[in-house]
N, C-alpha and C. Protein backbone atom coordinates (compact mmCIF):
# COMPACT_ATOMS: atom_id res chain seq x y z
N MET A 1 28.86 -23.37 13.06
CA MET A 1 28.98 -22.76 14.26
C MET A 1 28.70 -23.99 14.93
N ARG A 2 29.81 -23.71 16.37
CA ARG A 2 29.73 -24.45 17.30
C ARG A 2 28.60 -24.98 17.89
N ASP A 3 28.63 -26.45 17.95
CA ASP A 3 27.24 -26.88 18.70
C ASP A 3 27.65 -27.55 20.43
N ASP A 4 27.51 -26.51 20.81
CA ASP A 4 27.70 -26.38 22.68
C ASP A 4 27.81 -27.54 23.09
N ASN A 5 26.37 -27.86 23.47
CA ASN A 5 25.58 -28.81 23.59
C ASN A 5 26.56 -29.95 23.27
N LEU A 6 26.70 -30.11 22.15
CA LEU A 6 27.13 -31.54 21.74
C LEU A 6 28.69 -31.26 22.40
N ASP A 7 29.38 -29.94 22.36
CA ASP A 7 31.04 -30.40 23.39
C ASP A 7 30.50 -30.55 24.27
N GLY A 8 29.90 -29.78 25.01
CA GLY A 8 29.40 -30.39 26.91
C GLY A 8 28.76 -32.03 26.71
N ARG A 9 28.21 -32.62 26.22
CA ARG A 9 28.24 -34.08 26.28
C ARG A 9 29.38 -34.64 25.96
N LEU A 10 29.96 -34.66 24.86
CA LEU A 10 31.53 -34.97 24.74
C LEU A 10 32.10 -35.31 25.90
N LEU A 11 32.07 -33.85 26.81
CA LEU A 11 32.99 -33.84 27.75
C LEU A 11 32.82 -34.40 28.66
N ARG A 12 31.16 -34.79 28.99
CA ARG A 12 30.66 -35.30 30.38
C ARG A 12 31.28 -36.86 30.01
N ALA A 13 31.33 -37.18 28.80
CA ALA A 13 31.32 -38.75 28.27
C ALA A 13 32.69 -39.04 28.88
N GLN A 14 33.35 -38.13 27.83
CA GLN A 14 35.02 -38.41 28.57
C GLN A 14 34.91 -38.27 30.04
N ASN A 15 34.61 -37.17 30.97
CA ASN A 15 35.36 -37.42 32.44
C ASN A 15 34.51 -38.46 32.68
N GLU A 16 32.98 -39.00 32.53
CA GLU A 16 32.68 -40.33 32.63
C GLU A 16 33.51 -41.47 32.60
N TYR A 17 33.88 -41.34 31.11
CA TYR A 17 34.64 -42.41 31.07
C TYR A 17 36.20 -43.03 31.83
N LYS A 18 37.05 -41.60 31.81
CA LYS A 18 37.88 -41.77 32.83
C LYS A 18 37.56 -41.82 34.37
N SER A 19 36.22 -41.56 34.67
CA SER A 19 36.27 -42.21 36.38
C SER A 19 35.78 -43.22 36.22
N ILE A 20 35.13 -43.80 35.38
CA ILE A 20 35.15 -45.09 35.58
C ILE A 20 36.21 -46.15 35.32
N HIS A 21 37.04 -45.69 34.34
CA HIS A 21 38.37 -46.40 33.95
C HIS A 21 39.42 -46.35 35.05
N LEU A 22 39.10 -45.29 36.24
CA LEU A 22 40.12 -44.96 37.02
C LEU A 22 39.49 -45.77 38.37
N LYS A 23 38.03 -45.93 38.34
CA LYS A 23 37.18 -47.32 39.32
C LYS A 23 37.71 -48.45 38.94
N LEU A 24 38.08 -48.74 37.55
CA LEU A 24 38.35 -50.22 37.44
C LEU A 24 39.90 -50.49 37.82
N ILE A 25 40.32 -49.05 37.60
CA ILE A 25 42.11 -50.20 37.93
C ILE A 25 42.28 -49.86 39.33
N ASN A 26 41.55 -48.65 39.94
CA ASN A 26 41.20 -49.26 41.34
C ASN A 26 41.05 -50.32 41.92
N SER A 27 39.81 -51.06 41.20
CA SER A 27 39.41 -52.36 41.73
C SER A 27 40.51 -53.47 41.16
N ALA A 28 41.24 -53.05 40.40
CA ALA A 28 42.13 -54.16 40.20
C ALA A 28 43.29 -54.20 41.02
N ILE A 29 44.11 -53.20 41.32
CA ILE A 29 44.76 -53.08 42.61
C ILE A 29 44.08 -53.58 43.79
N GLU A 30 42.94 -53.00 44.11
CA GLU A 30 42.48 -53.89 45.48
C GLU A 30 42.75 -55.13 45.56
N LEU A 31 42.06 -55.84 44.70
CA LEU A 31 42.20 -57.36 44.75
C LEU A 31 43.61 -58.00 44.21
N ILE A 32 44.48 -57.14 43.10
CA ILE A 32 45.92 -57.88 43.44
C ILE A 32 46.62 -57.59 44.58
N ASN A 33 46.43 -56.97 45.51
CA ASN A 33 46.93 -56.89 47.05
C ASN A 33 46.43 -57.30 47.51
N ASP A 34 45.09 -58.12 47.43
CA ASP A 34 44.57 -58.86 48.53
C ASP A 34 45.24 -60.17 49.02
N LYS A 35 45.62 -60.52 49.71
CA LYS A 35 46.56 -61.72 49.78
C LYS A 35 45.91 -63.08 50.23
N GLN A 36 44.34 -62.79 50.22
CA GLN A 36 43.61 -63.90 50.27
C GLN A 36 42.99 -64.32 48.94
N ILE A 37 43.28 -63.60 47.80
CA ILE A 37 42.94 -64.11 46.20
C ILE A 37 44.53 -64.12 45.58
N ASP A 38 44.31 -65.61 44.72
CA ASP A 38 45.15 -66.14 44.07
C ASP A 38 45.11 -64.82 42.63
N THR A 39 46.46 -63.89 42.95
CA THR A 39 46.57 -63.27 41.43
C THR A 39 46.08 -63.60 40.02
N LYS A 40 46.35 -64.82 39.91
CA LYS A 40 46.03 -65.90 38.74
C LYS A 40 44.56 -65.87 38.14
N SER A 41 43.61 -66.00 39.45
CA SER A 41 42.08 -65.82 39.67
C SER A 41 41.77 -64.86 39.10
N ILE A 42 42.47 -63.50 39.20
CA ILE A 42 41.87 -62.18 39.25
C ILE A 42 41.44 -61.81 37.24
N ASN A 43 40.29 -61.63 37.16
CA ASN A 43 39.95 -61.66 35.37
C ASN A 43 38.99 -60.26 35.60
N ILE A 44 38.95 -59.86 34.29
CA ILE A 44 37.72 -58.48 34.36
C ILE A 44 36.67 -59.04 34.84
N THR A 45 36.14 -59.85 34.89
CA THR A 45 34.82 -59.99 35.30
C THR A 45 35.06 -59.63 36.76
N LEU A 46 35.79 -60.45 37.40
CA LEU A 46 36.08 -60.23 38.88
C LEU A 46 36.40 -58.52 39.13
N ILE A 47 36.86 -57.97 38.14
CA ILE A 47 37.59 -56.46 38.56
C ILE A 47 36.42 -55.88 38.76
N ALA A 48 35.30 -55.90 37.21
CA ALA A 48 34.14 -55.03 37.18
C ALA A 48 33.25 -54.82 38.45
N LYS A 49 33.32 -56.17 38.84
CA LYS A 49 31.96 -56.62 40.00
C LYS A 49 32.39 -55.65 41.02
N ASN A 50 33.98 -55.83 41.28
CA ASN A 50 34.23 -55.60 42.83
C ASN A 50 33.74 -54.01 42.64
N ALA A 51 34.25 -53.50 41.26
CA ALA A 51 33.91 -52.06 40.98
C ALA A 51 32.47 -51.28 40.84
N ASP A 52 31.78 -52.34 41.06
CA ASP A 52 30.01 -52.27 40.85
C ASP A 52 30.07 -51.69 39.51
N CYS A 53 30.50 -52.32 38.37
CA CYS A 53 30.49 -52.26 37.10
C CYS A 53 29.82 -52.98 36.25
N ALA A 54 29.06 -52.89 35.39
CA ALA A 54 28.44 -53.99 34.70
C ALA A 54 29.82 -54.75 33.89
N VAL A 55 30.02 -55.97 33.88
CA VAL A 55 31.09 -56.95 33.51
C VAL A 55 31.49 -56.23 31.56
N ALA A 56 30.35 -55.96 31.00
CA ALA A 56 30.63 -55.63 29.66
C ALA A 56 31.29 -54.24 29.84
N THR A 57 31.36 -53.53 30.44
CA THR A 57 31.91 -52.23 31.24
C THR A 57 33.62 -52.57 30.97
N GLY A 58 33.70 -53.50 31.79
CA GLY A 58 34.85 -53.93 32.35
C GLY A 58 35.82 -54.15 30.80
N TYR A 59 34.93 -54.99 29.93
CA TYR A 59 35.80 -55.43 28.74
C TYR A 59 35.82 -54.31 27.75
N ASN A 60 35.19 -53.50 27.96
CA ASN A 60 35.21 -51.75 27.11
C ASN A 60 36.70 -51.75 26.97
N HIS A 61 36.42 -51.53 28.69
CA HIS A 61 37.87 -50.84 29.14
C HIS A 61 39.22 -51.43 28.73
N PHE A 62 39.03 -52.67 29.06
CA PHE A 62 40.46 -53.37 28.61
C PHE A 62 39.95 -54.85 27.72
N PRO A 63 39.88 -54.28 26.44
CA PRO A 63 39.53 -55.76 25.24
C PRO A 63 40.61 -56.77 25.54
N ASN A 64 41.65 -55.98 25.99
CA ASN A 64 42.82 -57.38 25.70
C ASN A 64 43.00 -57.96 27.17
N GLY A 65 42.46 -57.98 27.98
CA GLY A 65 42.34 -58.32 29.20
C GLY A 65 43.02 -57.96 30.44
N MET A 66 44.10 -58.80 31.11
CA MET A 66 44.37 -58.07 31.97
C MET A 66 45.75 -57.63 31.68
N LEU A 67 46.33 -57.69 30.67
CA LEU A 67 47.63 -57.10 30.16
C LEU A 67 46.77 -55.35 30.03
N ASP A 68 45.60 -55.56 29.44
CA ASP A 68 45.34 -53.74 29.51
C ASP A 68 45.52 -53.32 31.01
N VAL A 69 44.55 -53.81 31.94
CA VAL A 69 44.89 -53.13 33.55
C VAL A 69 46.02 -53.29 33.78
N TYR A 70 47.18 -53.97 33.50
CA TYR A 70 48.69 -53.90 33.60
C TYR A 70 49.04 -52.69 33.15
N GLY A 71 48.54 -52.42 31.96
CA GLY A 71 49.21 -51.16 30.67
C GLY A 71 48.30 -50.13 31.57
N SER A 72 47.34 -49.97 32.23
CA SER A 72 46.62 -49.32 32.25
C SER A 72 47.54 -48.69 33.63
N LEU A 73 47.63 -49.34 34.77
CA LEU A 73 48.39 -49.09 35.53
C LEU A 73 49.40 -48.50 35.43
N ILE A 74 50.45 -48.70 35.12
CA ILE A 74 51.80 -48.18 34.70
C ILE A 74 51.49 -47.01 33.66
N GLU A 75 50.85 -46.74 32.87
CA GLU A 75 49.98 -45.36 32.52
C GLU A 75 50.17 -44.57 33.87
N THR A 76 48.99 -44.93 34.56
CA THR A 76 48.74 -43.74 35.47
C THR A 76 49.75 -43.37 36.38
N VAL A 77 51.02 -44.35 36.73
CA VAL A 77 52.19 -44.16 37.49
C VAL A 77 52.81 -43.11 36.61
N ASN A 78 53.25 -43.35 34.99
CA ASN A 78 53.95 -42.37 34.45
C ASN A 78 53.34 -41.28 34.32
N GLU A 79 51.81 -41.10 34.02
CA GLU A 79 51.36 -39.65 33.79
C GLU A 79 51.17 -38.90 35.35
N GLY A 80 51.24 -39.64 36.37
CA GLY A 80 51.35 -38.81 37.74
C GLY A 80 52.89 -38.17 37.56
N ILE A 81 54.25 -38.79 37.61
CA ILE A 81 55.22 -38.50 37.60
C ILE A 81 55.84 -37.62 36.30
N GLN A 82 54.95 -37.48 35.52
CA GLN A 82 55.54 -36.83 34.29
C GLN A 82 54.91 -35.12 34.70
N HIS A 83 53.74 -35.40 34.77
CA HIS A 83 53.28 -33.92 36.05
C HIS A 83 53.90 -33.52 36.48
N GLU A 84 54.12 -34.23 37.38
CA GLU A 84 55.46 -33.71 38.25
C GLU A 84 56.64 -33.24 38.00
N ILE A 85 57.06 -33.70 37.06
CA ILE A 85 58.10 -32.91 36.28
C ILE A 85 58.07 -31.85 35.85
N GLU A 86 56.79 -31.81 35.05
CA GLU A 86 56.51 -30.44 34.37
C GLU A 86 56.36 -29.46 35.33
N VAL A 87 55.80 -29.59 36.05
CA VAL A 87 55.70 -28.61 37.62
C VAL A 87 57.04 -28.30 37.98
N MET A 88 58.11 -28.81 38.34
CA MET A 88 59.35 -29.01 38.57
C MET A 88 60.07 -27.90 37.73
N ILE A 89 59.91 -28.07 36.42
CA ILE A 89 60.87 -27.38 35.26
C ILE A 89 60.34 -26.01 34.91
N LYS A 90 58.38 -25.90 35.30
CA LYS A 90 58.32 -24.60 35.39
C LYS A 90 58.67 -23.70 36.51
N ASN A 91 58.82 -24.31 37.43
CA ASN A 91 59.16 -23.67 38.85
C ASN A 91 60.66 -23.54 38.65
N SER A 92 61.40 -23.94 37.91
CA SER A 92 63.26 -23.56 37.63
C SER A 92 63.61 -24.11 38.89
N VAL A 93 63.21 -25.60 39.41
CA VAL A 93 63.75 -26.62 40.24
C VAL A 93 65.56 -27.07 39.41
N SER A 94 66.17 -27.28 40.31
CA SER A 94 67.32 -27.53 39.42
C SER A 94 67.36 -28.97 38.54
N THR A 95 67.98 -29.14 37.86
CA THR A 95 67.94 -30.32 37.11
C THR A 95 68.60 -31.64 38.04
N GLU A 96 69.63 -31.68 38.95
CA GLU A 96 69.71 -32.70 39.74
C GLU A 96 68.71 -32.53 40.54
N GLU A 97 67.76 -31.79 41.02
CA GLU A 97 66.57 -32.46 41.76
C GLU A 97 65.71 -32.78 41.09
N ILE A 98 65.41 -32.18 40.05
CA ILE A 98 64.30 -32.99 38.83
C ILE A 98 64.97 -34.53 38.82
N ILE A 99 65.81 -34.97 38.35
CA ILE A 99 66.67 -36.59 37.95
C ILE A 99 66.13 -36.93 39.37
N THR A 100 66.27 -36.46 40.86
CA THR A 100 66.31 -37.46 41.57
C THR A 100 64.81 -37.45 42.07
N ASN A 101 64.14 -36.48 41.63
CA ASN A 101 62.78 -36.39 42.41
C ASN A 101 62.11 -37.92 40.94
N LEU A 102 62.67 -37.81 40.32
CA LEU A 102 61.92 -38.28 38.86
C LEU A 102 62.11 -39.65 39.59
N VAL A 103 63.15 -40.13 39.63
CA VAL A 103 63.72 -41.58 40.11
C VAL A 103 62.34 -42.03 41.79
N ARG A 104 63.21 -40.85 42.44
CA ARG A 104 62.45 -41.07 43.62
C ARG A 104 60.76 -41.36 43.56
N LYS A 105 59.97 -40.49 43.26
CA LYS A 105 58.76 -40.52 42.81
C LYS A 105 58.36 -41.91 42.01
N THR A 106 58.80 -42.48 41.42
CA THR A 106 58.73 -43.31 40.37
C THR A 106 58.84 -44.49 41.24
N SER A 107 59.61 -44.75 42.47
CA SER A 107 59.66 -45.75 43.61
C SER A 107 58.57 -45.82 44.42
N GLU A 108 58.34 -44.69 44.44
CA GLU A 108 56.82 -44.52 45.39
C GLU A 108 55.94 -44.62 45.37
N ASN A 109 55.30 -44.62 43.87
CA ASN A 109 54.11 -44.75 43.20
C ASN A 109 54.13 -46.23 42.81
N VAL A 110 55.72 -47.22 42.23
CA VAL A 110 55.30 -48.34 42.28
C VAL A 110 55.17 -48.92 43.49
N ILE A 111 56.05 -48.49 44.58
CA ILE A 111 55.59 -48.86 46.25
C ILE A 111 54.10 -48.69 46.41
N LYS A 112 53.68 -47.50 46.42
CA LYS A 112 52.12 -47.16 46.96
C LYS A 112 51.14 -48.27 45.98
N TYR A 113 51.29 -49.14 44.78
CA TYR A 113 50.41 -50.12 44.22
C TYR A 113 50.97 -51.25 44.52
N GLY A 114 52.27 -51.72 45.22
CA GLY A 114 52.82 -52.54 45.54
C GLY A 114 52.66 -54.27 44.91
N GLU A 115 52.05 -55.39 45.06
CA GLU A 115 51.86 -56.49 44.33
C GLU A 115 51.12 -56.30 42.97
N ALA A 116 50.24 -55.03 42.70
CA ALA A 116 49.82 -54.67 41.49
C ALA A 116 50.95 -54.39 40.64
N SER A 117 51.85 -53.64 41.21
CA SER A 117 53.02 -53.13 40.43
C SER A 117 53.99 -54.35 40.36
N ARG A 118 53.88 -55.31 40.91
CA ARG A 118 54.98 -55.87 40.60
C ARG A 118 54.56 -56.95 39.60
N VAL A 119 53.52 -57.22 39.55
CA VAL A 119 52.46 -57.96 38.48
C VAL A 119 52.62 -57.03 36.95
N SER A 120 52.14 -55.98 36.93
CA SER A 120 52.08 -55.40 36.08
C SER A 120 53.46 -54.94 34.93
N LEU A 121 54.78 -54.76 35.69
CA LEU A 121 56.06 -54.68 35.41
C LEU A 121 56.55 -56.33 34.49
N PHE A 122 56.27 -57.23 35.71
CA PHE A 122 56.70 -58.50 35.04
C PHE A 122 55.99 -58.53 33.74
N ALA A 123 54.93 -58.06 33.82
CA ALA A 123 53.89 -58.24 31.94
C ALA A 123 54.54 -57.40 31.38
N ILE A 124 55.48 -56.11 31.36
CA ILE A 124 55.95 -55.31 30.61
C ILE A 124 55.99 -55.83 29.23
N LYS A 125 56.99 -56.65 28.79
CA LYS A 125 57.39 -57.06 27.31
C LYS A 125 56.04 -57.26 26.53
N ASP A 126 54.70 -58.06 27.21
CA ASP A 126 53.22 -58.58 26.78
C ASP A 126 53.19 -57.39 26.23
N ILE A 127 52.77 -56.04 27.57
CA ILE A 127 51.98 -55.19 27.15
C ILE A 127 52.28 -54.36 25.98
N VAL A 128 54.14 -54.02 26.15
CA VAL A 128 54.61 -53.56 25.01
C VAL A 128 54.03 -54.10 23.29
N ASP A 129 54.20 -55.28 23.57
CA ASP A 129 53.76 -56.52 22.40
C ASP A 129 52.79 -56.07 21.77
N ILE A 130 51.38 -55.71 22.44
CA ILE A 130 50.15 -55.86 22.17
C ILE A 130 50.08 -54.39 21.60
N GLY A 131 50.74 -53.54 22.04
CA GLY A 131 50.65 -51.99 21.42
C GLY A 131 49.02 -51.20 22.58
N SER A 132 48.48 -51.49 22.87
CA SER A 132 47.25 -50.65 23.07
C SER A 132 47.51 -49.82 24.61
N ALA A 133 48.55 -49.52 25.19
CA ALA A 133 49.02 -48.84 26.13
C ALA A 133 50.38 -48.03 26.29
N LYS A 134 49.60 -46.59 26.22
CA LYS A 134 50.58 -45.70 25.87
C LYS A 134 51.49 -45.10 26.95
N LEU A 135 52.74 -45.97 27.52
CA LEU A 135 53.81 -46.18 28.15
C LEU A 135 54.47 -45.32 27.84
N GLY A 136 54.21 -44.32 27.02
CA GLY A 136 55.50 -43.29 27.05
C GLY A 136 56.84 -44.13 27.29
N ASP A 137 58.44 -42.96 27.14
CA ASP A 137 59.32 -43.37 27.52
C ASP A 137 60.32 -42.82 28.78
N PRO A 138 60.12 -43.40 29.84
CA PRO A 138 60.74 -42.56 30.89
C PRO A 138 62.12 -42.49 30.64
N PHE A 139 62.99 -43.05 29.63
CA PHE A 139 64.29 -43.14 28.99
C PHE A 139 64.43 -41.93 28.55
N LEU A 140 63.39 -41.49 27.37
CA LEU A 140 63.94 -39.94 26.66
C LEU A 140 63.90 -39.06 27.58
N THR A 141 62.83 -38.86 28.67
CA THR A 141 62.89 -37.86 29.81
C THR A 141 64.05 -37.97 30.25
N LEU A 142 64.94 -39.18 31.18
CA LEU A 142 65.60 -39.05 31.51
C LEU A 142 66.93 -38.32 30.55
N LYS A 143 67.20 -38.69 29.19
CA LYS A 143 68.23 -38.18 28.73
C LYS A 143 67.66 -36.92 28.38
N PHE A 144 66.99 -36.61 28.29
CA PHE A 144 66.46 -34.84 28.34
C PHE A 144 67.04 -34.36 29.63
N LEU A 145 66.72 -34.37 30.58
CA LEU A 145 67.46 -34.05 31.58
C LEU A 145 68.98 -33.89 32.11
N CYS A 146 69.54 -35.57 31.76
CA CYS A 146 71.10 -35.47 31.41
C CYS A 146 71.52 -34.56 30.61
N GLN A 147 70.88 -34.07 29.16
CA GLN A 147 71.65 -33.14 28.54
C GLN A 147 71.78 -31.51 29.25
N GLU A 148 70.94 -31.84 30.55
CA GLU A 148 70.65 -30.43 30.80
C GLU A 148 71.81 -30.05 31.95
N LEU A 149 72.36 -31.22 32.43
CA LEU A 149 73.42 -31.19 33.09
C LEU A 149 74.78 -30.95 32.85
N LYS A 150 75.03 -30.74 31.50
CA LYS A 150 76.01 -30.72 30.55
C LYS A 150 76.79 -29.10 30.77
N SER A 151 75.71 -28.66 31.05
CA SER A 151 75.75 -26.58 31.60
C SER A 151 76.90 -26.82 32.67
N LYS A 152 76.80 -27.62 33.62
CA LYS A 152 77.73 -27.68 35.14
C LYS A 152 78.73 -28.68 34.83
N TYR A 153 78.37 -29.48 34.20
CA TYR A 153 79.36 -30.89 34.14
C TYR A 153 79.78 -30.93 33.04
N THR A 154 80.65 -30.07 32.63
CA THR A 154 81.15 -30.18 31.45
C THR A 154 82.04 -31.19 30.54
N ASN A 155 82.20 -32.47 31.23
CA ASN A 155 82.78 -33.44 30.94
C ASN A 155 82.00 -34.90 30.74
N ILE A 156 80.93 -34.36 31.14
CA ILE A 156 79.65 -35.86 31.06
C ILE A 156 79.67 -35.81 29.68
N ASP A 157 79.40 -37.26 29.34
CA ASP A 157 78.66 -38.01 28.12
C ASP A 157 77.14 -38.15 28.47
N SER A 158 76.09 -37.11 27.84
CA SER A 158 75.30 -37.13 28.74
C SER A 158 73.88 -38.26 28.10
N ASP A 159 74.10 -38.89 27.20
CA ASP A 159 73.36 -40.10 26.65
C ASP A 159 74.03 -41.23 27.63
N LEU A 160 75.56 -41.48 27.34
CA LEU A 160 76.19 -42.50 28.39
C LEU A 160 75.82 -42.21 29.54
N PHE A 161 75.95 -41.23 30.39
CA PHE A 161 74.79 -40.91 31.56
C PHE A 161 73.90 -41.23 31.92
N ALA A 162 72.38 -41.11 31.02
CA ALA A 162 71.55 -41.16 30.91
C ALA A 162 71.27 -43.02 31.03
N THR A 163 71.81 -43.59 30.22
CA THR A 163 72.06 -44.57 29.90
C THR A 163 72.04 -45.44 31.39
N GLN A 164 73.25 -45.14 32.17
CA GLN A 164 73.80 -45.85 32.99
C GLN A 164 72.89 -45.44 34.06
N LEU A 165 72.19 -44.42 34.54
CA LEU A 165 71.43 -44.24 35.62
C LEU A 165 70.02 -45.18 35.37
N TYR A 166 69.70 -45.32 33.79
CA TYR A 166 68.44 -45.93 34.04
C TYR A 166 68.49 -47.43 34.12
N THR A 167 69.44 -47.89 33.61
CA THR A 167 70.16 -49.40 33.46
C THR A 167 70.33 -49.47 35.11
N GLN A 168 70.96 -48.18 35.58
CA GLN A 168 70.85 -48.91 37.48
C GLN A 168 69.77 -49.19 37.85
N TYR A 169 68.82 -48.25 37.67
CA TYR A 169 67.61 -48.17 38.28
C TYR A 169 66.44 -49.06 38.07
N LEU A 170 66.68 -49.49 36.90
CA LEU A 170 66.09 -51.22 36.34
C LEU A 170 66.57 -51.88 37.41
N GLY A 171 67.56 -52.10 37.59
CA GLY A 171 68.43 -53.17 38.56
C GLY A 171 67.56 -52.94 39.73
N LEU A 172 67.51 -51.89 40.39
CA LEU A 172 66.92 -51.70 41.63
C LEU A 172 65.91 -52.26 41.47
N LEU A 173 64.81 -51.78 40.58
CA LEU A 173 63.19 -52.11 40.08
C LEU A 173 63.18 -53.31 40.42
N PHE A 174 63.90 -53.88 39.47
CA PHE A 174 63.79 -55.88 39.34
C PHE A 174 64.50 -56.41 40.77
N SER A 175 65.31 -55.66 41.66
CA SER A 175 65.65 -56.38 42.48
C SER A 175 64.29 -56.32 43.69
N TRP A 176 63.63 -55.29 43.65
CA TRP A 176 62.90 -54.93 44.70
C TRP A 176 61.64 -55.81 44.30
N MET A 177 61.25 -56.26 42.65
CA MET A 177 60.03 -56.73 42.41
C MET A 177 60.17 -58.79 42.89
N ARG A 178 61.74 -58.43 43.45
CA ARG A 178 61.93 -60.08 43.29
C ARG A 178 61.64 -60.48 45.13
N PHE A 179 61.61 -59.45 45.66
CA PHE A 179 61.38 -59.17 47.04
C PHE A 179 60.06 -60.46 47.75
N GLN A 180 60.98 -61.20 48.60
CA GLN A 180 60.10 -62.43 49.35
C GLN A 180 60.60 -61.94 50.57
N GLU A 181 59.75 -61.89 51.72
CA GLU A 181 60.17 -61.87 52.93
C GLU A 181 61.14 -62.69 53.59
N ASP A 182 60.66 -63.89 53.55
CA ASP A 182 61.24 -65.10 53.79
C ASP A 182 62.63 -65.93 53.36
N SER A 183 63.42 -64.96 52.27
CA SER A 183 64.42 -65.42 51.21
C SER A 183 65.81 -64.84 52.27
N ILE A 184 66.88 -65.43 52.48
CA ILE A 184 67.67 -64.87 52.80
C ILE A 184 68.35 -64.10 51.90
N VAL A 185 68.35 -63.89 50.65
CA VAL A 185 68.91 -62.86 49.41
C VAL A 185 67.57 -61.74 49.32
N PHE A 186 66.41 -62.14 48.82
CA PHE A 186 65.71 -61.13 48.19
C PHE A 186 64.69 -60.09 49.36
N SER A 187 64.73 -60.90 50.81
CA SER A 187 64.53 -59.86 52.04
C SER A 187 64.86 -58.87 52.38
N ILE A 188 66.12 -58.47 51.29
CA ILE A 188 66.72 -57.27 51.68
C ILE A 188 66.27 -56.21 51.06
N PHE A 189 65.39 -56.69 49.60
CA PHE A 189 65.02 -55.61 49.02
C PHE A 189 63.65 -54.91 48.79
N THR A 190 63.92 -54.24 50.57
CA THR A 190 62.33 -53.97 50.71
C THR A 190 62.27 -52.48 50.07
N ASP A 191 60.86 -52.17 50.33
CA ASP A 191 60.26 -50.64 50.31
C ASP A 191 61.13 -49.79 50.69
N GLN A 192 61.86 -49.66 51.77
CA GLN A 192 62.22 -48.76 52.35
C GLN A 192 63.80 -48.69 51.34
N TRP A 193 64.26 -50.03 51.41
CA TRP A 193 65.83 -50.15 50.38
C TRP A 193 65.24 -49.76 48.96
N LEU A 194 64.36 -49.80 48.59
CA LEU A 194 64.13 -49.12 47.09
C LEU A 194 64.34 -47.59 47.18
N LEU A 195 63.44 -47.06 47.98
CA LEU A 195 63.69 -45.24 48.02
C LEU A 195 65.46 -45.30 48.41
N ASP A 196 65.59 -45.66 49.38
CA ASP A 196 67.26 -45.10 49.71
C ASP A 196 67.94 -44.92 48.41
N ARG A 197 67.94 -46.44 48.06
CA ARG A 197 68.64 -46.63 47.06
C ARG A 197 68.42 -45.46 45.82
N SER A 198 67.12 -45.10 45.52
CA SER A 198 66.43 -44.61 44.53
C SER A 198 67.27 -42.81 44.87
N SER A 199 67.15 -42.61 46.26
CA SER A 199 67.38 -41.23 46.57
C SER A 199 68.87 -40.49 45.89
N GLU A 200 69.84 -42.07 46.18
CA GLU A 200 71.11 -41.53 46.24
C GLU A 200 71.53 -41.80 45.03
N LEU A 201 71.15 -42.61 44.14
CA LEU A 201 71.27 -42.73 42.44
C LEU A 201 71.93 -41.97 41.85
N LEU A 202 71.26 -40.49 41.69
CA LEU A 202 72.19 -39.83 40.82
C LEU A 202 73.00 -38.81 41.73
N GLU A 203 73.22 -38.82 42.80
CA GLU A 203 74.57 -38.56 43.65
C GLU A 203 75.65 -39.40 43.22
N PHE A 204 75.45 -40.36 43.66
CA PHE A 204 76.51 -41.97 43.72
C PHE A 204 77.39 -41.44 42.43
N ASN A 205 76.34 -41.55 40.94
CA ASN A 205 76.63 -41.45 39.54
C ASN A 205 77.43 -39.80 39.13
N LEU A 206 76.98 -38.74 40.45
CA LEU A 206 78.00 -37.71 39.84
C LEU A 206 78.97 -37.50 40.61
N ASN A 207 79.39 -38.19 41.44
CA ASN A 207 80.90 -38.44 42.13
C ASN A 207 81.71 -39.40 41.31
N THR A 208 81.42 -39.65 40.42
CA THR A 208 82.08 -41.00 39.38
C THR A 208 82.95 -39.75 38.52
N LEU A 209 82.46 -38.76 38.48
CA LEU A 209 82.60 -37.99 37.00
C LEU A 209 83.89 -37.21 37.67
N ASN A 210 84.29 -36.94 39.14
CA ASN A 210 85.14 -36.27 39.63
C ASN A 210 86.75 -36.99 39.37
């Protein structure tokens, strides 16, 4: 017989863990985006205290230190985007619109977290190396969606097209990550620049098929 009380306690514990985890992530975002604070000085202790949590709780959630924080932030972005894609697929939105939204929504979420996104993305190789974050693979989602385009664009090589889109988007993202307001070169890579280029990316590449 199932122990309903035990199930209830487990569910409450899981919900409490998720709530505290999100609180810590938001604390990290707030600190990293504070221009008065040197990013290098931010650690789990500071994040936990800023979130009004015990320091031990902070280390329980992020045992690998700041890399776990950065990984969790990227996870949060990816999970939100994946949910939106699933809703669009369920509502029979066109594949072209889904891909455009995938790219644009990624940019919107990255922009939303500002400097915290930049720091996290620059650390992504180290995040992957420690293997603690479930980052998913946006490229696999993009490949699946590009395969759906074959019914309409018969001359498309879906795998090559997905690779092309993914590579170009990473280029846009890296350029945005390098934004510097006082730079002759990097000052052009603003939030609006990233949103505009993201919105145009699929249409631009589809036009090359003609």
